[in-house]
Amino acid sequence: GALAVGAGILASRLAGFARAAVTSAAFGVGPHADVLQTALRAPNLLQNLLGEQALSASFIPIYSRLLAAGRHEAARRFAGAVFGLLLAVAGGAALVGVLAARPLVALFAAGYLRDAAAVAAGTLAVDRFELAVTAVRWIFPMTGLLVLSAWALGVLNSHGRFFLAYVAPVVWNAAIIAAFAWGLLSGRRDERLLVAVCIGALVGGLLQFLVQLPTVLRETRGVPVRFSLRPEGVREALAAFGPAVAGRGVVQFSSYLDQLLASLLAVGAVSALGYAQLLYLLPVALFGQSVAAAALPELARSAAAAGSGAESEIARRTRRALGQAGLLNFPTAVAYLVLGPVIVSALYRLLPGRFGEADSWLVGLVLGGYALGLPASTGSRVLQSSFFALSDTRTPARIAALRVAVGTGVALPAMFLLDRRLLVELPGLGGLGGDLRLGSLGLALAASVGAWVEWGLLSRALARRLAHFRVPARERLRLVAASSAGAAAGLAVAAPVFARWPPWLTALAAGAAFLAAFTAASLALGLPSWLAMVRRGRGGGEAT
């Protein structure tokens, strides 16, 4: 299951990288890229609030339980009622978003309100606020479609159809890339190109839902859509959904704060943060979300099993999932930390355009800031699934609130302090020129601090709940050692040629050196190799 989820996520993330490469070539790090990030972030608040994570906590455990009991008709009625409720809520919220685009942008990007005066004074060329209002009005209806797509993902996951559910976003990315291509070929630039891309995102949201629908209908033999609370399991799902939405609301509030705070920094901070987050979220999804998503139905069945061994089985499955996630997210975090500018250059400078060397260094530094918290973020995804399987959505929600409070407390002083510093003031970067500032790095560092607070509190809470659960600390220390060996090898290859070779070739050579050294060190330290994990996943066996 985890391998299928991982393969689907990898395909969708690769499509996302292709979209990002086109975006960086067209807009670089600047006002139009800032606006596109804002336009996508505003509707994503509702999508993430009502989407996969909330449904994982409320819909999947109940639906899987009904299927496991052989009560397929009750499961169909339950799925149809949840679809009807989501359709009403998401559709209404999307309509409100279109009508209230102006106050929404003011909330999400208050710093843009200063642009009109700066444009009038001649210090800025683009009023990001007015452009963002137009973009949000085009893109917000996509929200409801993506929430329904998350419902389809929940149904498919419960039936063991993992790959299709997670590969579906490929069509969304493809629609945006097609919109970029059409806009550029038809001579559209900047503002007109941005609007074309937003329309492409809306069409892509519809396609992402439709590509899953035939398989959903085939697996369920039709879903009777109802706007009712009467079908079995609906009230129970709503009882779990509330705390889950509250927990996701805390996380989304954190995302909103990042967007808001970045808009208060120098122009380009919003897009620099977005470019770095795309890379950062790949291992979170690939090595955290995939393992957690595949484990959740099994954890839910273990929790529903009678007998004293149920908690021991949940603890065992959680440890196994943490091992699977950690084997790949630790080396990825170290690679991002040490080779961030190399990786960023390879992706965002793949196509000729507006993304320059200074942009690569800025986004690479922000990526390194996020990388410090990567192991904690991926591990927390797994632990949250264990709590969801135990029908406990309140504990992750409370801990997420503490994470946001700590992260915000660190972000406020860090971002303003670093925004006073120019990128070119760093040692060795004076020749880059430009006026890029480091405020977005402060936000990334604060996010990492919050991630480690969340991980520590979740692991302690689960250890109190499950007597047999322990974090595999010794294995993690060995992973850090093996990852450090890989980083040293990658840096030794990249440093002499970074300024002379094409970015993609430098990244390829450094990546090969990193992988070879990490694999050799893993074998020497007695760690299970990533190749062995893939073979076990393909064969259906367990990873240790």
Protein backbone atom coordinates (compact mmCIF):
# COMPACT_ATOMS: atom_id res chain seq x y z
CA GLY A 1 0.00 0.00 0.00
CA ALA A 2 2.70 2.48 0.96
CA LEU A 3 4.58 1.75 -2.27
CA ALA A 4 1.44 2.40 -4.35
CA VAL A 5 0.74 5.61 -2.47
CA GLY A 6 4.37 6.65 -2.82
CA ALA A 7 4.38 5.94 -6.55
CA GLY A 8 1.22 7.98 -7.05
CA ILE A 9 2.52 10.86 -4.96
CA LEU A 10 5.87 10.76 -6.76
CA ALA A 11 4.15 11.01 -10.14
CA SER A 12 1.98 13.91 -9.00
CA ARG A 13 4.94 15.69 -7.39
CA LEU A 14 7.04 15.28 -10.53
CA ALA A 15 4.18 16.88 -12.44
CA GLY A 16 4.19 19.61 -9.79
CA PHE A 17 7.90 20.16 -10.35
CA ALA A 18 7.28 20.47 -14.08
CA ARG A 19 4.63 23.09 -13.31
CA ALA A 20 7.05 24.89 -10.98
CA ALA A 21 9.80 24.87 -13.60
CA VAL A 22 7.46 26.55 -16.07
CA THR A 23 6.29 29.02 -13.40
CA SER A 24 9.84 29.96 -12.42
CA ALA A 25 10.83 30.49 -16.04
CA ALA A 26 7.79 32.70 -16.70
CA PHE A 27 7.68 34.69 -13.45
CA GLY A 28 10.94 34.10 -11.51
CA VAL A 29 11.01 35.39 -7.91
CA GLY A 30 8.91 38.53 -8.15
CA PRO A 31 5.47 40.13 -7.98
CA HIS A 32 3.62 37.87 -10.45
CA ALA A 33 5.00 34.73 -8.78
CA ASP A 34 3.94 36.21 -5.42
CA VAL A 35 0.39 36.70 -6.70
CA LEU A 36 0.16 33.17 -8.12
CA GLN A 37 1.25 31.73 -4.76
CA THR A 38 -1.40 33.82 -3.00
CA ALA A 39 -4.12 32.89 -5.49
CA LEU A 40 -3.42 29.18 -4.98
CA ARG A 41 -3.03 29.47 -1.20
CA ALA A 42 -6.34 31.20 -0.47
CA PRO A 43 -8.64 28.44 -1.82
CA ASN A 44 -6.27 25.75 -0.57
CA LEU A 45 -7.21 26.82 2.95
CA LEU A 46 -10.70 25.38 2.48
CA GLN A 47 -9.43 22.38 0.51
CA ASN A 48 -6.99 21.39 3.22
CA LEU A 49 -9.47 22.16 5.98
CA LEU A 50 -12.18 19.85 4.59
CA GLY A 51 -9.98 17.57 2.51
CA GLU A 52 -7.73 14.56 2.92
CA GLN A 53 -6.49 14.97 6.50
CA ALA A 54 -9.92 15.70 7.99
CA LEU A 55 -11.49 12.85 6.00
CA SER A 56 -8.68 10.51 7.08
CA ALA A 57 -9.62 11.21 10.69
CA SER A 58 -13.38 10.87 10.26
CA PHE A 59 -14.46 9.16 7.03
CA ILE A 60 -11.90 6.42 6.35
CA PRO A 61 -11.97 4.67 9.79
CA ILE A 62 -15.79 4.37 9.75
CA TYR A 63 -16.06 3.45 6.07
CA SER A 64 -13.27 0.84 6.43
CA ARG A 65 -14.97 -0.61 9.51
CA LEU A 66 -18.27 -1.02 7.65
CA LEU A 67 -16.52 -2.69 4.73
CA ALA A 68 -14.58 -5.02 7.05
CA ALA A 69 -17.87 -6.09 8.66
CA GLY A 70 -19.28 -6.96 5.22
CA ARG A 71 -21.91 -4.22 5.45
CA HIS A 72 -21.43 -2.86 1.95
CA GLU A 73 -24.89 -1.31 1.60
CA ALA A 74 -24.45 0.65 4.84
CA ALA A 75 -21.01 1.76 3.61
CA ARG A 76 -22.55 3.00 0.34
CA ARG A 77 -25.21 5.02 2.15
CA PHE A 78 -22.60 6.45 4.51
CA ALA A 79 -20.31 7.48 1.61
CA GLY A 80 -23.22 9.08 -0.26
CA ALA A 81 -24.32 11.11 2.75
CA VAL A 82 -20.79 12.37 3.41
CA PHE A 83 -20.49 13.35 -0.28
CA GLY A 84 -23.75 15.30 -0.08
CA LEU A 85 -22.66 17.18 3.03
CA LEU A 86 -19.26 18.01 1.53
CA LEU A 87 -20.90 19.15 -1.71
CA ALA A 88 -23.14 21.58 0.16
CA VAL A 89 -20.43 22.98 2.44
CA ALA A 90 -17.64 23.20 -0.15
CA GLY A 91 -19.92 24.61 -2.85
CA GLY A 92 -21.29 27.30 -0.57
CA ALA A 93 -17.84 28.23 0.69
CA ALA A 94 -16.47 28.43 -2.86
CA LEU A 95 -19.28 30.83 -3.83
CA VAL A 96 -18.56 33.01 -0.81
CA GLY A 97 -14.87 33.00 -1.76
CA VAL A 98 -15.62 34.36 -5.23
CA LEU A 99 -17.88 37.10 -3.88
CA ALA A 100 -15.52 38.03 -1.05
CA ALA A 101 -12.23 37.88 -2.97
CA ARG A 102 -11.18 41.41 -2.00
CA PRO A 103 -11.41 40.99 1.80
CA LEU A 104 -9.93 37.49 1.46
CA VAL A 105 -6.81 38.84 -0.24
CA ALA A 106 -6.60 41.58 2.37
CA LEU A 107 -6.63 38.86 5.05
CA PHE A 108 -4.18 36.50 3.35
CA ALA A 109 -1.75 39.10 2.03
CA ALA A 110 -2.19 42.31 3.99
CA GLY A 111 1.24 43.47 2.86
CA TYR A 112 -0.10 43.84 -0.69
CA LEU A 113 -2.31 46.72 0.45
CA ARG A 114 0.79 48.91 0.45
CA ASP A 115 1.49 48.28 -3.25
CA ALA A 116 -0.92 50.89 -4.65
CA ALA A 117 0.92 53.71 -2.89
CA ALA A 118 4.29 52.28 -3.94
CA VAL A 119 3.16 52.04 -7.58
CA ALA A 120 1.93 55.65 -7.44
CA ALA A 121 5.29 56.71 -6.00
CA GLY A 122 7.14 54.83 -8.74
CA THR A 123 8.96 52.40 -6.40
CA LEU A 124 6.96 49.35 -7.57
CA ALA A 125 5.77 48.40 -11.05
CA VAL A 126 2.95 45.98 -10.10
CA ASP A 127 0.02 46.36 -7.69
CA ARG A 128 -0.12 42.83 -6.33
CA PHE A 129 -3.35 43.41 -4.39
CA GLU A 130 -5.59 44.19 -7.38
CA LEU A 131 -4.00 41.43 -9.44
CA ALA A 132 -4.48 38.91 -6.61
CA VAL A 133 -8.18 39.80 -6.28
CA THR A 134 -8.72 39.01 -9.97
CA ALA A 135 -6.74 35.77 -9.71
CA VAL A 136 -8.61 34.55 -6.61
CA ARG A 137 -12.00 35.15 -8.28
CA TRP A 138 -11.00 32.88 -11.13
CA ILE A 139 -9.39 30.16 -9.07
CA PHE A 140 -11.59 29.87 -5.96
CA PRO A 141 -14.31 27.58 -7.46
CA MET A 142 -11.53 24.99 -7.83
CA THR A 143 -11.72 24.54 -4.06
CA GLY A 144 -15.02 22.67 -4.01
CA LEU A 145 -13.85 20.34 -6.78
CA LEU A 146 -10.67 19.45 -4.90
CA VAL A 147 -12.60 18.74 -1.69
CA LEU A 148 -14.79 16.29 -3.62
CA SER A 149 -11.60 14.80 -5.06
CA ALA A 150 -10.40 14.22 -1.48
CA TRP A 151 -13.67 12.36 -0.77
CA ALA A 152 -12.97 10.13 -3.78
CA LEU A 153 -9.46 9.54 -2.41
CA GLY A 154 -10.95 8.38 0.90
CA VAL A 155 -13.23 5.89 -0.84
CA LEU A 156 -10.44 4.54 -3.06
CA ASN A 157 -8.00 4.21 -0.14
CA SER A 158 -10.54 2.21 1.84
CA HIS A 159 -10.90 -0.19 -1.10
CA GLY A 160 -7.12 -0.54 -1.43
CA ARG A 161 -6.97 1.47 -4.69
CA PHE A 162 -4.14 3.72 -3.56
CA PHE A 163 -2.31 4.57 -6.79
CA LEU A 164 -5.15 6.23 -8.71
CA ALA A 165 -6.14 8.38 -5.73
CA TYR A 166 -2.67 9.87 -5.39
CA VAL A 167 -1.75 10.09 -9.07
CA ALA A 168 -4.92 12.08 -9.93
CA PRO A 169 -3.29 15.50 -9.22
CA VAL A 170 -1.14 14.91 -12.30
CA VAL A 171 -4.03 16.08 -14.46
CA TRP A 172 -4.38 19.26 -12.37
CA ASN A 173 -0.72 20.10 -12.90
CA ALA A 174 -1.00 19.18 -16.58
CA ALA A 175 -3.90 21.60 -17.02
CA ILE A 176 -1.86 24.44 -15.51
CA ILE A 177 1.15 23.62 -17.70
CA ALA A 178 -1.14 23.56 -20.74
CA ALA A 179 -2.50 26.98 -19.74
CA PHE A 180 1.06 28.33 -19.45
CA ALA A 181 1.92 26.93 -22.89
CA TRP A 182 -1.23 28.33 -24.50
CA GLY A 183 -0.73 31.73 -22.88
CA LEU A 184 2.92 32.03 -23.87
CA LEU A 185 2.31 30.82 -27.43
CA SER A 186 -0.55 33.30 -27.85
CA GLY A 187 1.66 36.18 -26.72
CA ARG A 188 0.24 36.67 -23.23
CA ARG A 189 2.68 37.94 -20.59
CA ASP A 190 2.57 38.83 -16.91
CA GLU A 191 -1.01 39.83 -15.90
CA ARG A 192 -2.79 38.22 -18.87
CA LEU A 193 -0.69 35.07 -18.56
CA LEU A 194 -1.49 34.86 -14.84
CA VAL A 195 -5.25 34.94 -15.51
CA ALA A 196 -4.88 32.18 -18.13
CA VAL A 197 -3.04 30.02 -15.60
CA CYS A 198 -5.77 30.53 -12.99
CA ILE A 199 -8.41 29.39 -15.49
CA GLY A 200 -6.23 26.34 -16.22
CA ALA A 201 -6.12 25.52 -12.49
CA LEU A 202 -9.93 25.64 -12.32
CA VAL A 203 -10.27 23.25 -15.28
CA GLY A 204 -7.62 21.00 -13.74
CA GLY A 205 -9.58 20.75 -10.48
CA LEU A 206 -12.60 19.45 -12.40
CA LEU A 207 -10.48 16.92 -14.29
CA GLN A 208 -8.82 15.67 -11.08
CA PHE A 209 -12.23 14.74 -9.65
CA LEU A 210 -13.59 13.26 -12.87
CA VAL A 211 -10.59 10.98 -13.41
CA GLN A 212 -11.31 9.23 -10.08
CA LEU A 213 -15.09 9.08 -10.37
CA PRO A 214 -15.49 5.99 -12.65
CA THR A 215 -13.37 3.81 -10.34
CA VAL A 216 -15.21 5.10 -7.26
CA LEU A 217 -18.56 4.20 -8.83
CA ARG A 218 -17.27 0.79 -9.87
CA GLU A 219 -15.87 -0.06 -6.42
CA THR A 220 -18.99 1.13 -4.58
CA ARG A 221 -21.49 -0.03 -7.24
CA GLY A 222 -22.90 3.46 -7.23
CA VAL A 223 -23.12 6.03 -4.46
CA PRO A 224 -26.60 7.24 -3.41
CA VAL A 225 -25.95 10.95 -2.82
CA ARG A 226 -28.05 12.26 0.07
CA PHE A 227 -28.15 15.47 2.09
CA SER A 228 -28.95 13.66 5.32
CA LEU A 229 -27.55 12.89 8.77
CA ARG A 230 -29.62 9.71 9.14
CA PRO A 231 -27.39 7.03 7.51
CA GLU A 232 -25.36 4.99 9.98
CA GLY A 233 -21.96 6.45 10.80
CA VAL A 234 -22.67 10.01 9.63
CA ARG A 235 -23.14 11.50 13.09
CA GLU A 236 -20.11 9.59 14.37
CA ALA A 237 -18.08 10.94 11.43
CA LEU A 238 -19.24 14.49 12.17
CA ALA A 239 -18.25 14.06 15.82
CA ALA A 240 -14.73 13.10 14.69
CA PHE A 241 -14.76 15.60 11.82
CA GLY A 242 -15.17 18.61 14.10
CA PRO A 243 -11.95 18.10 16.09
CA ALA A 244 -10.16 17.00 12.91
CA VAL A 245 -11.20 20.22 11.15
CA ALA A 246 -10.15 22.14 14.24
CA GLY A 247 -6.77 20.42 14.09
CA ARG A 248 -6.44 21.11 10.39
CA GLY A 249 -7.69 24.62 11.04
CA VAL A 250 -4.78 25.17 13.37
CA VAL A 251 -2.37 23.96 10.70
CA GLN A 252 -4.06 26.08 8.04
CA PHE A 253 -4.00 29.06 10.37
CA SER A 254 -0.25 28.53 10.53
CA SER A 255 -0.13 28.43 6.72
CA TYR A 256 -2.23 31.60 6.61
CA LEU A 257 0.14 33.29 9.03
CA ASP A 258 3.14 32.33 6.88
CA GLN A 259 1.43 33.84 3.83
CA LEU A 260 0.42 36.97 5.73
CA LEU A 261 3.83 37.49 7.34
CA ALA A 262 5.67 36.86 4.05
CA SER A 263 3.52 39.53 2.36
CA LEU A 264 4.87 42.02 4.91
CA LEU A 265 8.44 41.32 3.82
CA ALA A 266 10.30 42.42 0.69
CA VAL A 267 8.79 41.68 -2.74
CA GLY A 268 9.63 38.09 -3.69
CA ALA A 269 9.41 36.65 -0.16
CA VAL A 270 6.03 35.00 -0.86
CA SER A 271 7.26 33.29 -4.03
CA ALA A 272 10.61 32.28 -2.47
CA LEU A 273 8.68 30.61 0.34
CA GLY A 274 6.40 28.87 -2.17
CA TYR A 275 9.24 27.55 -4.34
CA ALA A 276 10.99 26.13 -1.26
CA GLN A 277 7.79 24.62 0.13
CA LEU A 278 7.20 22.64 -3.06
CA LEU A 279 10.50 20.82 -2.58
CA TYR A 280 10.04 20.54 1.19
CA LEU A 281 6.58 19.00 0.86
CA LEU A 282 7.78 16.26 -1.52
CA PRO A 283 9.35 14.08 1.21
CA VAL A 284 6.59 15.04 3.66
CA ALA A 285 4.07 13.58 1.20
CA LEU A 286 6.24 10.82 -0.25
CA PHE A 287 7.73 9.45 2.96
CA GLY A 288 5.23 10.65 5.56
CA GLN A 289 1.82 10.98 3.96
CA SER A 290 2.19 7.84 1.82
CA VAL A 291 3.16 5.64 4.75
CA ALA A 292 0.50 7.18 6.99
CA ALA A 293 -2.23 6.85 4.34
CA ALA A 294 -1.42 3.20 3.67
CA ALA A 295 -1.19 2.40 7.39
CA LEU A 296 -4.43 4.12 8.47
CA PRO A 297 -6.94 1.47 7.26
CA GLU A 298 -4.84 -1.29 8.86
CA LEU A 299 -4.44 0.70 12.07
CA ALA A 300 -8.19 1.29 12.17
CA ARG A 301 -8.87 -2.44 11.77
CA SER A 302 -6.33 -3.23 14.51
CA ALA A 303 -7.99 -0.70 16.81
CA ALA A 304 -11.40 -2.27 16.14
CA ALA A 305 -10.12 -5.77 16.95
CA ALA A 306 -11.10 -7.20 20.31
CA GLY A 307 -8.54 -8.45 22.82
CA SER A 308 -5.56 -7.17 24.76
CA GLY A 309 -3.22 -7.46 21.78
CA ALA A 310 -4.85 -4.65 19.81
CA GLU A 311 -2.77 -1.85 21.35
CA SER A 312 0.42 -3.89 20.96
CA GLU A 313 -0.39 -4.38 17.27
CA ILE A 314 -1.01 -0.65 16.77
CA ALA A 315 2.32 0.14 18.47
CA ARG A 316 4.11 -2.39 16.24
CA ARG A 317 2.56 -1.01 13.07
CA THR A 318 3.38 2.56 14.13
CA ARG A 319 7.04 1.69 14.76
CA ARG A 320 7.21 -0.03 11.39
CA ALA A 321 5.66 2.99 9.64
CA LEU A 322 8.12 5.34 11.36
CA GLY A 323 10.98 3.15 10.17
CA GLN A 324 9.70 3.22 6.59
CA ALA A 325 9.27 7.00 6.64
CA GLY A 326 12.58 7.72 8.38
CA LEU A 327 14.69 5.62 6.05
CA LEU A 328 14.18 8.14 3.28
CA ASN A 329 13.23 11.42 4.93
CA PHE A 330 16.41 11.70 7.03
CA PRO A 331 18.79 11.58 4.04
CA THR A 332 16.49 13.91 2.09
CA ALA A 333 16.57 16.44 4.93
CA VAL A 334 20.37 16.36 5.09
CA ALA A 335 20.62 16.67 1.29
CA TYR A 336 18.32 19.70 1.32
CA LEU A 337 20.31 21.26 4.14
CA VAL A 338 23.72 20.84 2.49
CA LEU A 339 22.89 20.88 -1.23
CA GLY A 340 19.83 23.17 -1.26
CA PRO A 341 21.03 25.75 -3.83
CA VAL A 342 22.26 22.95 -6.13
CA ILE A 343 18.88 21.20 -6.04
CA VAL A 344 16.95 24.45 -6.48
CA SER A 345 19.08 25.48 -9.47
CA ALA A 346 18.55 22.11 -11.16
CA LEU A 347 14.77 22.41 -10.92
CA TYR A 348 13.95 26.09 -11.29
CA ARG A 349 16.68 27.00 -13.79
CA LEU A 350 15.97 23.99 -16.00
CA LEU A 351 14.17 26.25 -18.48
CA PRO A 352 15.62 29.62 -19.55
CA GLY A 353 13.76 32.53 -18.05
CA ARG A 354 13.61 34.92 -15.11
CA PHE A 355 14.91 32.64 -12.33
CA GLY A 356 18.56 33.60 -11.74
CA GLU A 357 21.51 32.46 -9.63
CA ALA A 358 20.65 34.81 -6.76
CA ASP A 359 17.11 33.39 -6.72
CA SER A 360 18.61 29.89 -6.47
CA TRP A 361 20.64 30.83 -3.42
CA LEU A 362 17.71 32.50 -1.67
CA VAL A 363 15.29 29.62 -2.26
CA GLY A 364 18.04 27.11 -1.41
CA LEU A 365 18.63 28.78 1.96
CA VAL A 366 14.89 28.79 2.70
CA LEU A 367 14.76 25.11 1.75
CA GLY A 368 17.58 24.42 4.20
CA GLY A 369 15.60 26.16 6.92
CA TYR A 370 12.61 23.92 6.25
CA ALA A 371 14.84 20.83 6.05
CA LEU A 372 15.81 21.18 9.70
CA GLY A 373 12.23 20.23 10.63
CA LEU A 374 11.60 17.68 7.88
CA PRO A 375 12.10 14.48 9.96
CA ALA A 376 9.75 15.84 12.61
CA SER A 377 7.03 16.76 10.08
CA THR A 378 7.05 13.37 8.35
CA GLY A 379 7.13 11.47 11.64
CA SER A 380 4.22 13.51 12.97
CA ARG A 381 2.09 12.46 9.98
CA VAL A 382 2.54 8.82 11.00
CA LEU A 383 1.79 9.47 14.68
CA GLN A 384 -1.36 11.43 13.78
CA SER A 385 -2.66 8.38 11.87
CA SER A 386 -2.20 6.25 14.99
CA PHE A 387 -4.28 8.70 17.03
CA PHE A 388 -6.94 8.79 14.29
CA ALA A 389 -7.11 4.99 14.31
CA LEU A 390 -7.66 5.15 18.08
CA SER A 391 -10.58 7.57 17.42
CA ASP A 392 -8.64 10.37 19.09
CA THR A 393 -8.66 13.52 16.96
CA ARG A 394 -8.44 15.93 19.89
CA THR A 395 -4.87 15.20 20.98
CA PRO A 396 -3.32 15.97 17.54
CA ALA A 397 -5.47 19.13 17.34
CA ARG A 398 -4.30 20.43 20.72
CA ILE A 399 -0.66 19.68 19.91
CA ALA A 400 -0.99 21.34 16.49
CA ALA A 401 -2.19 24.49 18.25
CA LEU A 402 0.94 24.49 20.41
CA ARG A 403 3.07 24.01 17.31
CA VAL A 404 1.55 27.09 15.69
CA ALA A 405 1.96 29.17 18.84
CA VAL A 406 5.63 28.27 19.17
CA GLY A 407 6.33 28.71 15.45
CA THR A 408 4.68 32.12 15.33
CA GLY A 409 6.54 33.25 18.43
CA VAL A 410 9.84 32.38 16.76
CA ALA A 411 8.83 33.70 13.31
CA LEU A 412 8.00 37.28 14.26
CA PRO A 413 11.45 38.33 15.50
CA ALA A 414 13.37 36.04 13.13
CA MET A 415 11.75 37.20 9.88
CA PHE A 416 12.08 40.93 10.55
CA LEU A 417 15.64 40.54 11.79
CA LEU A 418 16.69 38.58 8.69
CA ASP A 419 14.69 40.81 6.30
CA ARG A 420 17.16 43.57 7.13
CA ARG A 421 19.94 41.45 5.65
CA LEU A 422 20.58 41.24 1.92
CA LEU A 423 21.46 37.91 0.34
CA VAL A 424 24.66 39.45 -1.04
CA GLU A 425 25.83 40.21 2.51
CA LEU A 426 26.41 36.50 3.14
CA PRO A 427 30.04 35.31 2.81
CA GLY A 428 30.92 34.36 -0.76
CA LEU A 429 27.70 35.71 -2.31
CA GLY A 430 28.67 39.34 -2.79
CA GLY A 431 29.16 38.87 -6.53
CA LEU A 432 25.53 37.89 -7.13
CA GLY A 433 24.17 41.43 -6.98
CA GLY A 434 20.49 42.20 -6.54
CA ASP A 435 18.46 43.22 -3.50
CA LEU A 436 16.95 39.91 -2.35
CA ARG A 437 16.40 39.79 1.40
CA LEU A 438 16.44 36.88 3.86
CA GLY A 439 13.17 37.39 5.73
CA SER A 440 11.61 34.23 4.25
CA LEU A 441 14.46 32.20 5.79
CA GLY A 442 13.27 33.33 9.23
CA LEU A 443 9.80 31.92 8.52
CA ALA A 444 11.27 28.57 7.43
CA LEU A 445 13.43 28.29 10.55
CA ALA A 446 10.44 29.06 12.76
CA ALA A 447 8.39 26.35 11.01
CA SER A 448 11.11 23.82 11.81
CA VAL A 449 11.14 24.76 15.49
CA GLY A 450 7.36 24.27 15.61
CA ALA A 451 7.63 20.91 13.82
CA TRP A 452 10.00 19.52 16.45
CA VAL A 453 7.74 20.71 19.26
CA GLU A 454 4.81 18.88 17.62
CA TRP A 455 6.84 15.69 17.14
CA GLY A 456 8.04 15.65 20.74
CA LEU A 457 4.57 16.16 22.18
CA LEU A 458 2.90 13.63 19.85
CA SER A 459 5.46 10.90 20.57
CA ARG A 460 5.16 11.43 24.34
CA ALA A 461 1.36 11.39 24.16
CA LEU A 462 1.30 8.18 22.10
CA ALA A 463 3.79 6.50 24.45
CA ARG A 464 1.43 7.25 27.34
CA ARG A 465 -1.49 5.83 25.34
CA LEU A 466 0.29 2.69 24.06
CA ALA A 467 2.51 0.96 26.61
CA HIS A 468 4.46 -0.89 23.90
CA PHE A 469 5.26 2.17 21.76
CA ARG A 470 8.81 3.51 21.67
CA VAL A 471 10.52 5.82 19.17
CA PRO A 472 13.39 3.94 17.42
CA ALA A 473 16.05 6.42 18.59
CA ARG A 474 19.17 4.30 17.89
CA GLU A 475 18.11 3.69 14.30
CA ARG A 476 17.57 7.43 13.83
CA LEU A 477 21.08 8.21 15.04
CA ARG A 478 22.48 5.74 12.52
CA LEU A 479 20.36 7.37 9.81
CA VAL A 480 21.84 10.78 10.66
CA ALA A 481 25.36 9.33 10.45
CA ALA A 482 24.72 7.66 7.08
CA SER A 483 23.03 10.79 5.72
CA SER A 484 25.98 12.93 6.81
CA ALA A 485 28.33 10.65 4.89
CA GLY A 486 26.16 11.10 1.80
CA ALA A 487 26.10 14.88 2.24
CA ALA A 488 29.88 15.05 2.52
CA ALA A 489 30.27 13.10 -0.72
CA GLY A 490 27.67 15.19 -2.55
CA LEU A 491 29.22 18.46 -1.39
CA ALA A 492 32.71 17.29 -2.40
CA VAL A 493 31.43 16.71 -5.94
CA ALA A 494 29.24 19.83 -6.23
CA ALA A 495 31.48 22.51 -4.70
CA PRO A 496 34.22 22.60 -7.38
CA VAL A 497 31.82 22.59 -10.36
CA PHE A 498 28.71 24.46 -9.12
CA ALA A 499 29.56 27.69 -10.96
CA ARG A 500 30.87 25.97 -14.13
CA TRP A 501 28.59 23.05 -14.96
CA PRO A 502 24.92 23.30 -15.99
CA PRO A 503 22.75 23.14 -12.85
CA TRP A 504 21.08 19.85 -13.79
CA LEU A 505 24.44 18.15 -14.39
CA THR A 506 25.84 19.38 -11.08
CA ALA A 507 22.78 18.10 -9.23
CA LEU A 508 22.93 14.75 -11.04
CA ALA A 509 26.60 14.21 -10.16
CA ALA A 510 26.16 15.36 -6.55
CA GLY A 511 23.02 13.24 -6.16
CA ALA A 512 24.78 10.12 -7.45
CA ALA A 513 27.68 10.67 -5.03
CA PHE A 514 25.26 11.28 -2.15
CA LEU A 515 23.25 8.13 -2.91
CA ALA A 516 26.33 5.92 -3.26
CA ALA A 517 27.89 7.15 -0.01
CA PHE A 518 24.61 6.96 1.90
CA THR A 519 23.92 3.41 0.72
CA ALA A 520 27.44 2.27 1.60
CA ALA A 521 27.25 3.89 5.05
CA SER A 522 23.80 2.38 5.66
CA LEU A 523 25.10 -1.11 4.92
CA ALA A 524 28.15 -0.55 7.13
CA LEU A 525 25.94 0.64 10.01
CA GLY A 526 23.47 -2.23 9.62
CA LEU A 527 20.55 -0.14 8.40
CA PRO A 528 17.97 -1.66 6.03
CA SER A 529 18.69 -0.31 2.57
CA TRP A 530 16.15 1.74 0.65
CA LEU A 531 16.33 -0.86 -2.15
CA ALA A 532 15.33 -3.59 0.31
CA MET A 533 12.39 -1.47 1.46
CA VAL A 534 11.19 -1.06 -2.13
CA ARG A 535 11.48 -4.82 -2.73
CA ARG A 536 9.50 -5.58 0.43
CA GLY A 537 6.87 -2.99 -0.52
CA ARG A 538 6.53 -4.50 -4.00
CA GLY A 539 6.21 -7.97 -2.58
CA GLY A 540 3.77 -6.97 0.13
CA GLY A 541 6.16 -7.71 2.97
CA GLU A 542 6.96 -5.64 5.97
CA ALA A 543 9.68 -3.14 6.23
CA THR A 544 11.66 -3.22 9.37
